[in-house]
């Protein structure tokens, strides 16, 4: 087993006070904490996201679209698991009604795209799978875990007037304008049974708790309590790589996400 290095990423919409066990450096607004993928599983990135403001309205390409646009061989699908949400917090995923490319571009330019999107009120334990091509945005007042293909390809369609580049041509080209939204489900995080949280094309996410075991090869992200690997404990705020043939056990009050590359032979 090995612990993954973590990196704090400043964002204009981040927070200067983070939930335990994290602490933001003095004078910094931290929006994300990334865990560096291990060489054995380079295709999946796990991160925490903390928002004090809305994130941009954006979209990611599929693998095929990324290649067609000359970006890379890897697009980006992702899932979100909400750990905490202030009253009224929302996630924007997909559209309320079908929209064509021309209307989408116009709405991105005049800012009405936000009104055309479907905004879901969220609470702790809400989980969404976001396929490539889904227009989406994370609202303010949310702490969540994001699990994604390890790709930084993001096409911003609208950014609330922030002075950042938009990517309308590529974004509109890859965006789905129908009403299909991310797949939503509720996950019990406080007294978790063994449960499959997400079974996607590129990764699967299981929840382990109450003295359950995780078996490698898998990434392990504790959410509560400690996980024990021999005499080593993995705590919330950490992420560890568990090699094939290794196992880790959750305590009686433990809860952890176990992330596996769906394309990796086991």
C-alpha atoms as a PDB file:
ATOM      1  CA  UNK A   1       0.000   0.000   0.000  1.00  0.00           C
ATOM      2  CA  UNK A   2       1.149   3.558  -0.629  1.00  0.00           C
ATOM      3  CA  UNK A   3      -0.271   6.970   0.191  1.00  0.00           C
ATOM      4  CA  UNK A   4      -0.910   9.303  -2.746  1.00  0.00           C
ATOM      5  CA  UNK A   5       0.652  12.788  -2.713  1.00  0.00           C
ATOM      6  CA  UNK A   6      -1.972  15.547  -2.510  1.00  0.00           C
ATOM      7  CA  UNK A   7      -2.000  18.989  -4.081  1.00  0.00           C
ATOM      8  CA  UNK A   8      -4.056  22.008  -3.049  1.00  0.00           C
ATOM      9  CA  UNK A   9      -5.302  24.072  -5.999  1.00  0.00           C
ATOM     10  CA  UNK A  10      -6.312  27.719  -5.627  1.00  0.00           C
ATOM     11  CA  UNK A  11      -9.514  28.787  -7.397  1.00  0.00           C
ATOM     12  CA  UNK A  12     -11.403  32.116  -7.404  1.00  0.00           C
ATOM     13  CA  UNK A  13     -14.527  30.259  -6.310  1.00  0.00           C
ATOM     14  CA  UNK A  14     -12.761  28.246  -3.580  1.00  0.00           C
ATOM     15  CA  UNK A  15     -12.769  28.635   0.216  1.00  0.00           C
ATOM     16  CA  UNK A  16     -10.291  30.109   2.695  1.00  0.00           C
ATOM     17  CA  UNK A  17     -11.768  27.945   5.466  1.00  0.00           C
ATOM     18  CA  UNK A  18     -11.937  24.252   4.606  1.00  0.00           C
ATOM     19  CA  UNK A  19     -13.832  21.460   6.369  1.00  0.00           C
ATOM     20  CA  UNK A  20     -11.828  19.165   8.638  1.00  0.00           C
ATOM     21  CA  UNK A  21      -9.382  17.556   8.252  1.00  0.00           C
ATOM     22  CA  UNK A  22      -8.133  20.089   5.677  1.00  0.00           C
ATOM     23  CA  UNK A  23      -6.688  23.544   6.380  1.00  0.00           C
ATOM     24  CA  UNK A  24      -6.240  26.232   3.726  1.00  0.00           C
ATOM     25  CA  UNK A  25      -2.889  28.053   3.733  1.00  0.00           C
ATOM     26  CA  UNK A  26      -3.086  31.636   4.986  1.00  0.00           C
ATOM     27  CA  UNK A  27      -4.466  33.983   2.350  1.00  0.00           C
ATOM     28  CA  UNK A  28      -5.400  31.253  -0.156  1.00  0.00           C
ATOM     29  CA  UNK A  29      -8.799  30.223  -1.499  1.00  0.00           C
ATOM     30  CA  UNK A  30      -8.589  26.504  -2.086  1.00  0.00           C
ATOM     31  CA  UNK A  31     -11.061  25.097  -4.584  1.00  0.00           C
ATOM     32  CA  UNK A  32      -9.671  21.604  -5.103  1.00  0.00           C
ATOM     33  CA  UNK A  33      -7.435  19.016  -3.493  1.00  0.00           C
ATOM     34  CA  UNK A  34      -6.019  16.523  -5.987  1.00  0.00           C
ATOM     35  CA  UNK A  35      -4.488  13.144  -5.256  1.00  0.00           C
ATOM     36  CA  UNK A  36      -1.688  12.308  -7.671  1.00  0.00           C
ATOM     37  CA  UNK A  37      -2.664   9.110  -9.547  1.00  0.00           C
ATOM     38  CA  UNK A  38      -0.300   6.181  -8.983  1.00  0.00           C
ATOM     39  CA  UNK A  39       1.638   4.771 -11.970  1.00  0.00           C
ATOM     40  CA  UNK A  40      -0.415   1.573 -11.652  1.00  0.00           C
ATOM     41  CA  UNK A  41      -3.661   3.504 -12.270  1.00  0.00           C
ATOM     42  CA  UNK A  42      -2.837   6.713 -14.167  1.00  0.00           C
ATOM     43  CA  UNK A  43      -6.201   7.072 -15.912  1.00  0.00           C
ATOM     44  CA  UNK A  44      -8.305   8.066 -12.862  1.00  0.00           C
ATOM     45  CA  UNK A  45      -8.080  11.269 -10.820  1.00  0.00           C
ATOM     46  CA  UNK A  46      -9.687  11.667  -7.386  1.00  0.00           C
ATOM     47  CA  UNK A  47     -10.225  15.118  -5.893  1.00  0.00           C
ATOM     48  CA  UNK A  48     -12.168  17.109  -3.328  1.00  0.00           C
ATOM     49  CA  UNK A  49     -13.975  20.264  -4.482  1.00  0.00           C
ATOM     50  CA  UNK A  50     -14.981  23.150  -2.181  1.00  0.00           C
ATOM     51  CA  UNK A  51     -17.142  25.998  -3.510  1.00  0.00           C
ATOM     52  CA  UNK A  52     -18.036  29.425  -2.169  1.00  0.00           C
ATOM     53  CA  UNK A  53     -19.274  30.613  -5.588  1.00  0.00           C
ATOM     54  CA  UNK A  54     -20.700  28.949  -8.681  1.00  0.00           C
ATOM     55  CA  UNK A  55     -18.275  27.220 -11.027  1.00  0.00           C
ATOM     56  CA  UNK A  56     -18.403  27.902 -14.750  1.00  0.00           C
ATOM     57  CA  UNK A  57     -20.964  26.256 -17.007  1.00  0.00           C
ATOM     58  CA  UNK A  58     -18.840  23.727 -18.858  1.00  0.00           C
ATOM     59  CA  UNK A  59     -18.691  20.502 -20.828  1.00  0.00           C
ATOM     60  CA  UNK A  60     -16.106  17.786 -21.496  1.00  0.00           C
ATOM     61  CA  UNK A  61     -15.549  15.722 -24.660  1.00  0.00           C
ATOM     62  CA  UNK A  62     -15.628  11.956 -24.977  1.00  0.00           C
ATOM     63  CA  UNK A  63     -12.454  10.050 -25.871  1.00  0.00           C
ATOM     64  CA  UNK A  64     -13.464  10.017 -29.553  1.00  0.00           C
ATOM     65  CA  UNK A  65     -14.318  13.731 -29.566  1.00  0.00           C
ATOM     66  CA  UNK A  66     -11.043  14.615 -27.847  1.00  0.00           C
ATOM     67  CA  UNK A  67      -9.126  12.774 -30.572  1.00  0.00           C
ATOM     68  CA  UNK A  68     -11.159  14.419 -33.334  1.00  0.00           C
ATOM     69  CA  UNK A  69     -10.418  17.854 -31.892  1.00  0.00           C
ATOM     70  CA  UNK A  70      -6.704  17.093 -31.636  1.00  0.00           C
ATOM     71  CA  UNK A  71      -6.659  17.250 -27.839  1.00  0.00           C
ATOM     72  CA  UNK A  72      -5.552  13.839 -26.591  1.00  0.00           C
ATOM     73  CA  UNK A  73      -6.651  10.217 -26.520  1.00  0.00           C
ATOM     74  CA  UNK A  74      -8.635  10.750 -23.323  1.00  0.00           C
ATOM     75  CA  UNK A  75     -11.845  12.700 -22.783  1.00  0.00           C
ATOM     76  CA  UNK A  76     -13.519  13.171 -19.455  1.00  0.00           C
ATOM     77  CA  UNK A  77     -16.395  11.495 -17.675  1.00  0.00           C
ATOM     78  CA  UNK A  78     -16.846  12.058 -13.962  1.00  0.00           C
ATOM     79  CA  UNK A  79     -19.015  11.502 -10.940  1.00  0.00           C
ATOM     80  CA  UNK A  80     -19.819  13.682  -7.948  1.00  0.00           C
ATOM     81  CA  UNK A  81     -20.583  12.575  -4.389  1.00  0.00           C
ATOM     82  CA  UNK A  82     -21.848  15.411  -2.183  1.00  0.00           C
ATOM     83  CA  UNK A  83     -20.339  15.387   1.320  1.00  0.00           C
ATOM     84  CA  UNK A  84     -21.862  18.647   2.536  1.00  0.00           C
ATOM     85  CA  UNK A  85     -24.225  21.265   1.109  1.00  0.00           C
ATOM     86  CA  UNK A  86     -25.458  24.564   2.483  1.00  0.00           C
ATOM     87  CA  UNK A  87     -29.240  25.168   2.379  1.00  0.00           C
ATOM     88  CA  UNK A  88     -30.327  25.893  -1.181  1.00  0.00           C
ATOM     89  CA  UNK A  89     -27.141  24.506  -2.787  1.00  0.00           C
ATOM     90  CA  UNK A  90     -27.602  23.112  -6.290  1.00  0.00           C
ATOM     91  CA  UNK A  91     -25.830  21.256  -9.086  1.00  0.00           C
ATOM     92  CA  UNK A  92     -26.607  22.139 -12.690  1.00  0.00           C
ATOM     93  CA  UNK A  93     -26.758  19.097 -14.988  1.00  0.00           C
ATOM     94  CA  UNK A  94     -28.204  19.054 -18.491  1.00  0.00           C
ATOM     95  CA  UNK A  95     -31.123  21.127 -19.792  1.00  0.00           C
ATOM     96  CA  UNK A  96     -34.791  21.512 -18.893  1.00  0.00           C
ATOM     97  CA  UNK A  97     -35.797  21.175 -22.552  1.00  0.00           C
ATOM     98  CA  UNK A  98     -33.984  20.210 -25.770  1.00  0.00           C
ATOM     99  CA  UNK A  99     -31.727  22.918 -27.178  1.00  0.00           C
ATOM    100  CA  UNK A 100     -29.925  23.095 -30.530  1.00  0.00           C
ATOM    101  CA  UNK A 101     -26.358  24.249 -31.116  1.00  0.00           C
ATOM    102  CA  UNK A 102     -27.353  27.726 -32.336  1.00  0.00           C
ATOM    103  CA  UNK A 103     -29.512  28.430 -29.290  1.00  0.00           C
ATOM    104  CA  UNK A 104     -26.871  27.011 -26.955  1.00  0.00           C
ATOM    105  CA  UNK A 105     -24.234  29.365 -28.346  1.00  0.00           C
ATOM    106  CA  UNK A 106     -26.578  32.359 -28.081  1.00  0.00           C
ATOM    107  CA  UNK A 107     -27.483  31.456 -24.501  1.00  0.00           C
ATOM    108  CA  UNK A 108     -23.821  31.053 -23.576  1.00  0.00           C
ATOM    109  CA  UNK A 109     -23.054  34.505 -24.970  1.00  0.00           C
ATOM    110  CA  UNK A 110     -25.930  36.316 -23.270  1.00  0.00           C
ATOM    111  CA  UNK A 111     -25.814  34.357 -19.995  1.00  0.00           C
ATOM    112  CA  UNK A 112     -29.262  32.777 -20.249  1.00  0.00           C
ATOM    113  CA  UNK A 113     -27.737  29.296 -20.507  1.00  0.00           C
ATOM    114  CA  UNK A 114     -27.837  29.196 -16.709  1.00  0.00           C
ATOM    115  CA  UNK A 115     -31.636  29.580 -16.799  1.00  0.00           C
ATOM    116  CA  UNK A 116     -32.015  26.829 -19.398  1.00  0.00           C
ATOM    117  CA  UNK A 117     -30.156  24.246 -17.312  1.00  0.00           C
ATOM    118  CA  UNK A 118     -31.680  21.776 -14.851  1.00  0.00           C
ATOM    119  CA  UNK A 119     -30.568  22.696 -11.313  1.00  0.00           C
ATOM    120  CA  UNK A 120     -30.846  19.931  -8.707  1.00  0.00           C
ATOM    121  CA  UNK A 121     -31.128  20.822  -4.998  1.00  0.00           C
ATOM    122  CA  UNK A 122     -28.588  18.618  -3.215  1.00  0.00           C
ATOM    123  CA  UNK A 123     -27.817  17.254   0.235  1.00  0.00           C
ATOM    124  CA  UNK A 124     -25.163  15.030   1.758  1.00  0.00           C
ATOM    125  CA  UNK A 125     -25.090  11.645   0.040  1.00  0.00           C
ATOM    126  CA  UNK A 126     -26.409  12.765  -3.366  1.00  0.00           C
ATOM    127  CA  UNK A 127     -24.388  11.194  -6.151  1.00  0.00           C
ATOM    128  CA  UNK A 128     -24.397  12.007  -9.881  1.00  0.00           C
ATOM    129  CA  UNK A 129     -22.632  10.374 -12.808  1.00  0.00           C
ATOM    130  CA  UNK A 130     -21.826  12.946 -15.507  1.00  0.00           C
ATOM    131  CA  UNK A 131     -21.260  11.435 -18.986  1.00  0.00           C
ATOM    132  CA  UNK A 132     -19.053  13.261 -21.473  1.00  0.00           C
ATOM    133  CA  UNK A 133     -21.047  15.813 -23.441  1.00  0.00           C
ATOM    134  CA  UNK A 134     -23.265  16.755 -20.476  1.00  0.00           C
ATOM    135  CA  UNK A 135     -23.356  20.512 -19.840  1.00  0.00           C
ATOM    136  CA  UNK A 136     -22.899  21.007 -16.101  1.00  0.00           C
ATOM    137  CA  UNK A 137     -21.940  23.373 -13.282  1.00  0.00           C
ATOM    138  CA  UNK A 138     -21.342  23.081  -9.540  1.00  0.00           C
ATOM    139  CA  UNK A 139     -23.162  25.647  -7.409  1.00  0.00           C
ATOM    140  CA  UNK A 140     -21.938  27.518  -4.357  1.00  0.00           C
ATOM    141  CA  UNK A 141     -21.797  26.123  -0.819  1.00  0.00           C
ATOM    142  CA  UNK A 142     -20.885  22.532  -1.684  1.00  0.00           C
ATOM    143  CA  UNK A 143     -18.179  20.084  -0.637  1.00  0.00           C
ATOM    144  CA  UNK A 144     -17.947  17.014  -2.832  1.00  0.00           C
ATOM    145  CA  UNK A 145     -15.685  14.240  -4.022  1.00  0.00           C
ATOM    146  CA  UNK A 146     -15.121  14.139  -7.763  1.00  0.00           C
ATOM    147  CA  UNK A 147     -13.859  11.002  -9.465  1.00  0.00           C
ATOM    148  CA  UNK A 148     -12.966  11.467 -13.116  1.00  0.00           C
ATOM    149  CA  UNK A 149     -10.958  10.330 -16.070  1.00  0.00           C
ATOM    150  CA  UNK A 150      -7.536  11.902 -15.611  1.00  0.00           C
ATOM    151  CA  UNK A 151      -7.982  14.664 -18.175  1.00  0.00           C
ATOM    152  CA  UNK A 152      -7.844  18.461 -17.890  1.00  0.00           C
ATOM    153  CA  UNK A 153      -9.939  19.118 -21.016  1.00  0.00           C
ATOM    154  CA  UNK A 154     -12.681  21.538 -19.985  1.00  0.00           C
ATOM    155  CA  UNK A 155     -14.662  23.715 -22.377  1.00  0.00           C
ATOM    156  CA  UNK A 156     -16.154  26.718 -20.580  1.00  0.00           C
ATOM    157  CA  UNK A 157     -19.412  27.952 -22.053  1.00  0.00           C
ATOM    158  CA  UNK A 158     -20.255  30.638 -19.489  1.00  0.00           C
ATOM    159  CA  UNK A 159     -18.343  32.018 -16.505  1.00  0.00           C
ATOM    160  CA  UNK A 160     -20.495  34.738 -14.896  1.00  0.00           C
ATOM    161  CA  UNK A 161     -18.304  37.543 -16.242  1.00  0.00           C
ATOM    162  CA  UNK A 162     -15.032  36.242 -14.799  1.00  0.00           C
ATOM    163  CA  UNK A 163     -12.049  37.181 -17.006  1.00  0.00           C
ATOM    164  CA  UNK A 164     -11.311  33.667 -18.196  1.00  0.00           C
ATOM    165  CA  UNK A 165     -11.291  32.225 -21.694  1.00  0.00           C
ATOM    166  CA  UNK A 166     -14.444  30.624 -23.069  1.00  0.00           C
ATOM    167  CA  UNK A 167     -14.376  27.731 -25.553  1.00  0.00           C
ATOM    168  CA  UNK A 168     -17.653  28.127 -27.429  1.00  0.00           C
ATOM    169  CA  UNK A 169     -16.714  26.441 -30.707  1.00  0.00           C
ATOM    170  CA  UNK A 170     -15.406  23.257 -29.147  1.00  0.00           C
ATOM    171  CA  UNK A 171     -17.884  23.301 -26.273  1.00  0.00           C
ATOM    172  CA  UNK A 172     -20.962  23.588 -28.466  1.00  0.00           C
ATOM    173  CA  UNK A 173     -19.517  20.955 -30.823  1.00  0.00           C
ATOM    174  CA  UNK A 174     -19.298  18.288 -28.117  1.00  0.00           C
ATOM    175  CA  UNK A 175     -22.287  19.273 -25.935  1.00  0.00           C
ATOM    176  CA  UNK A 176     -25.473  17.235 -25.814  1.00  0.00           C
ATOM    177  CA  UNK A 177     -28.464  19.521 -26.173  1.00  0.00           C
ATOM    178  CA  UNK A 178     -31.161  17.072 -25.148  1.00  0.00           C
ATOM    179  CA  UNK A 179     -32.675  16.574 -21.719  1.00  0.00           C
ATOM    180  CA  UNK A 180     -30.493  13.616 -20.741  1.00  0.00           C
ATOM    181  CA  UNK A 181     -28.926  14.465 -17.398  1.00  0.00           C
ATOM    182  CA  UNK A 182     -26.485  12.726 -15.134  1.00  0.00           C
ATOM    183  CA  UNK A 183     -27.525   9.558 -13.381  1.00  0.00           C
ATOM    184  CA  UNK A 184     -28.547  10.393  -9.797  1.00  0.00           C
ATOM    185  CA  UNK A 185     -28.800   8.235  -6.710  1.00  0.00           C
ATOM    186  CA  UNK A 186     -28.696   8.578  -2.919  1.00  0.00           C
ATOM    187  CA  UNK A 187     -25.803   7.054  -0.970  1.00  0.00           C
ATOM    188  CA  UNK A 188     -25.947   6.340   2.767  1.00  0.00           C
ATOM    189  CA  UNK A 189     -22.704   7.807   4.122  1.00  0.00           C
ATOM    190  CA  UNK A 190     -23.255   7.848   7.876  1.00  0.00           C
ATOM    191  CA  UNK A 191     -23.899   4.136   8.482  1.00  0.00           C
ATOM    192  CA  UNK A 192     -22.832   2.676   5.175  1.00  0.00           C
ATOM    193  CA  UNK A 193     -23.452  -0.900   4.118  1.00  0.00           C
ATOM    194  CA  UNK A 194     -21.333  -2.387   1.361  1.00  0.00           C
ATOM    195  CA  UNK A 195     -22.713  -0.719  -1.730  1.00  0.00           C
ATOM    196  CA  UNK A 196     -21.921  -0.011  -5.368  1.00  0.00           C
ATOM    197  CA  UNK A 197     -22.014   3.761  -5.783  1.00  0.00           C
ATOM    198  CA  UNK A 198     -21.110   4.050  -9.480  1.00  0.00           C
ATOM    199  CA  UNK A 199     -20.527   1.546 -12.248  1.00  0.00           C
ATOM    200  CA  UNK A 200     -19.354   3.579 -15.222  1.00  0.00           C
ATOM    201  CA  UNK A 201     -17.537   2.950 -18.471  1.00  0.00           C
ATOM    202  CA  UNK A 202     -14.155   3.981 -17.112  1.00  0.00           C
ATOM    203  CA  UNK A 203     -14.306   3.439 -13.356  1.00  0.00           C
ATOM    204  CA  UNK A 204     -16.369   1.841 -10.632  1.00  0.00           C
ATOM    205  CA  UNK A 205     -16.870   3.216  -7.128  1.00  0.00           C
ATOM    206  CA  UNK A 206     -17.874   1.055  -4.165  1.00  0.00           C
ATOM    207  CA  UNK A 207     -18.612   2.119  -0.597  1.00  0.00           C
ATOM    208  CA  UNK A 208     -17.148   0.085   2.264  1.00  0.00           C
ATOM    209  CA  UNK A 209     -18.065   0.513   5.924  1.00  0.00           C
ATOM    210  CA  UNK A 210     -18.726  -1.153   9.276  1.00  0.00           C
ATOM    211  CA  UNK A 211     -15.657  -3.409   9.327  1.00  0.00           C
ATOM    212  CA  UNK A 212     -15.908  -4.182   5.630  1.00  0.00           C
ATOM    213  CA  UNK A 213     -12.819  -4.916   3.540  1.00  0.00           C
ATOM    214  CA  UNK A 214     -11.427  -3.425   0.344  1.00  0.00           C
ATOM    215  CA  UNK A 215      -9.251  -5.571  -1.904  1.00  0.00           C
ATOM    216  CA  UNK A 216      -6.691  -4.301  -4.409  1.00  0.00           C
ATOM    217  CA  UNK A 217      -6.047  -3.208  -7.029  1.00  0.00           C
ATOM    218  CA  UNK A 218      -8.056  -0.178  -5.926  1.00  0.00           C
ATOM    219  CA  UNK A 219      -7.813   3.423  -4.738  1.00  0.00           C
ATOM    220  CA  UNK A 220      -9.133   3.872  -1.198  1.00  0.00           C
ATOM    221  CA  UNK A 221     -10.531   7.227  -0.012  1.00  0.00           C
ATOM    222  CA  UNK A 222     -11.630   7.224   3.655  1.00  0.00           C
ATOM    223  CA  UNK A 223     -14.607   9.457   4.456  1.00  0.00           C
ATOM    224  CA  UNK A 224     -15.028   8.635   8.147  1.00  0.00           C
ATOM    225  CA  UNK A 225     -13.082   6.721  10.762  1.00  0.00           C
ATOM    226  CA  UNK A 226      -9.811   4.966   9.948  1.00  0.00           C
ATOM    227  CA  UNK A 227      -8.917   2.061   7.722  1.00  0.00           C
ATOM    228  CA  UNK A 228      -6.272  -0.372   8.893  1.00  0.00           C
ATOM    229  CA  UNK A 229      -3.571  -1.929   6.758  1.00  0.00           C
ATOM    230  CA  UNK A 230      -1.516  -3.961   9.186  1.00  0.00           C
ATOM    231  CA  UNK A 231      -0.183  -1.386  11.629  1.00  0.00           C
ATOM    232  CA  UNK A 232      -0.760   1.502   9.204  1.00  0.00           C
ATOM    233  CA  UNK A 233      -3.899   3.638   9.404  1.00  0.00           C
ATOM    234  CA  UNK A 234      -5.401   5.539   6.484  1.00  0.00           C
ATOM    235  CA  UNK A 235      -7.448   8.524   7.656  1.00  0.00           C
ATOM    236  CA  UNK A 236     -10.000  10.906   6.130  1.00  0.00           C
ATOM    237  CA  UNK A 237      -8.110  13.427   4.008  1.00  0.00           C
ATOM    238  CA  UNK A 238      -5.839  10.693   2.639  1.00  0.00           C
ATOM    239  CA  UNK A 239      -6.061   8.533  -0.451  1.00  0.00           C
ATOM    240  CA  UNK A 240      -4.131   5.281  -0.789  1.00  0.00           C
ATOM    241  CA  UNK A 241      -3.299   2.833  -3.552  1.00  0.00           C
ATOM    242  CA  UNK A 242      -3.909  -0.784  -2.643  1.00  0.00           C
ATOM    243  CA  UNK A 243      -2.066  -3.240  -4.877  1.00  0.00           C
ATOM    244  CA  UNK A 244      -3.410  -6.552  -6.101  1.00  0.00           C
ATOM    245  CA  UNK A 245      -3.465  -9.123  -3.314  1.00  0.00           C
ATOM    246  CA  UNK A 246      -3.632  -6.483  -0.566  1.00  0.00           C
ATOM    247  CA  UNK A 247      -6.649  -5.776   1.643  1.00  0.00           C
ATOM    248  CA  UNK A 248      -7.619  -3.004   4.028  1.00  0.00           C
ATOM    249  CA  UNK A 249     -10.287  -3.080   6.750  1.00  0.00           C
ATOM    250  CA  UNK A 250     -12.662  -0.319   7.861  1.00  0.00           C
ATOM    251  CA  UNK A 251     -13.301   0.192  11.567  1.00  0.00           C
ATOM    252  CA  UNK A 252     -16.757  -0.053  13.116  1.00  0.00           C
ATOM    253  CA  UNK A 253     -17.294   3.660  12.421  1.00  0.00           C
ATOM    254  CA  UNK A 254     -15.431   3.653   9.119  1.00  0.00           C
ATOM    255  CA  UNK A 255     -16.595   4.584   5.632  1.00  0.00           C
ATOM    256  CA  UNK A 256     -14.465   4.639   2.507  1.00  0.00           C
ATOM    257  CA  UNK A 257     -14.809   4.891  -1.248  1.00  0.00           C
ATOM    258  CA  UNK A 258     -13.021   2.241  -3.269  1.00  0.00           C
ATOM    259  CA  UNK A 259     -12.274   3.267  -6.853  1.00  0.00           C
ATOM    260  CA  UNK A 260     -11.269   0.816  -9.551  1.00  0.00           C
ATOM    261  CA  UNK A 261     -10.323   1.415 -13.152  1.00  0.00           C
ATOM    262  CA  UNK A 262     -13.051  -0.398 -15.073  1.00  0.00           C
ATOM    263  CA  UNK A 263     -10.688  -1.008 -18.007  1.00  0.00           C
ATOM    264  CA  UNK A 264      -7.922  -2.489 -15.881  1.00  0.00           C
ATOM    265  CA  UNK A 265      -7.583  -6.296 -15.829  1.00  0.00           C
ATOM    266  CA  UNK A 266      -8.001  -7.865 -12.395  1.00  0.00           C
END
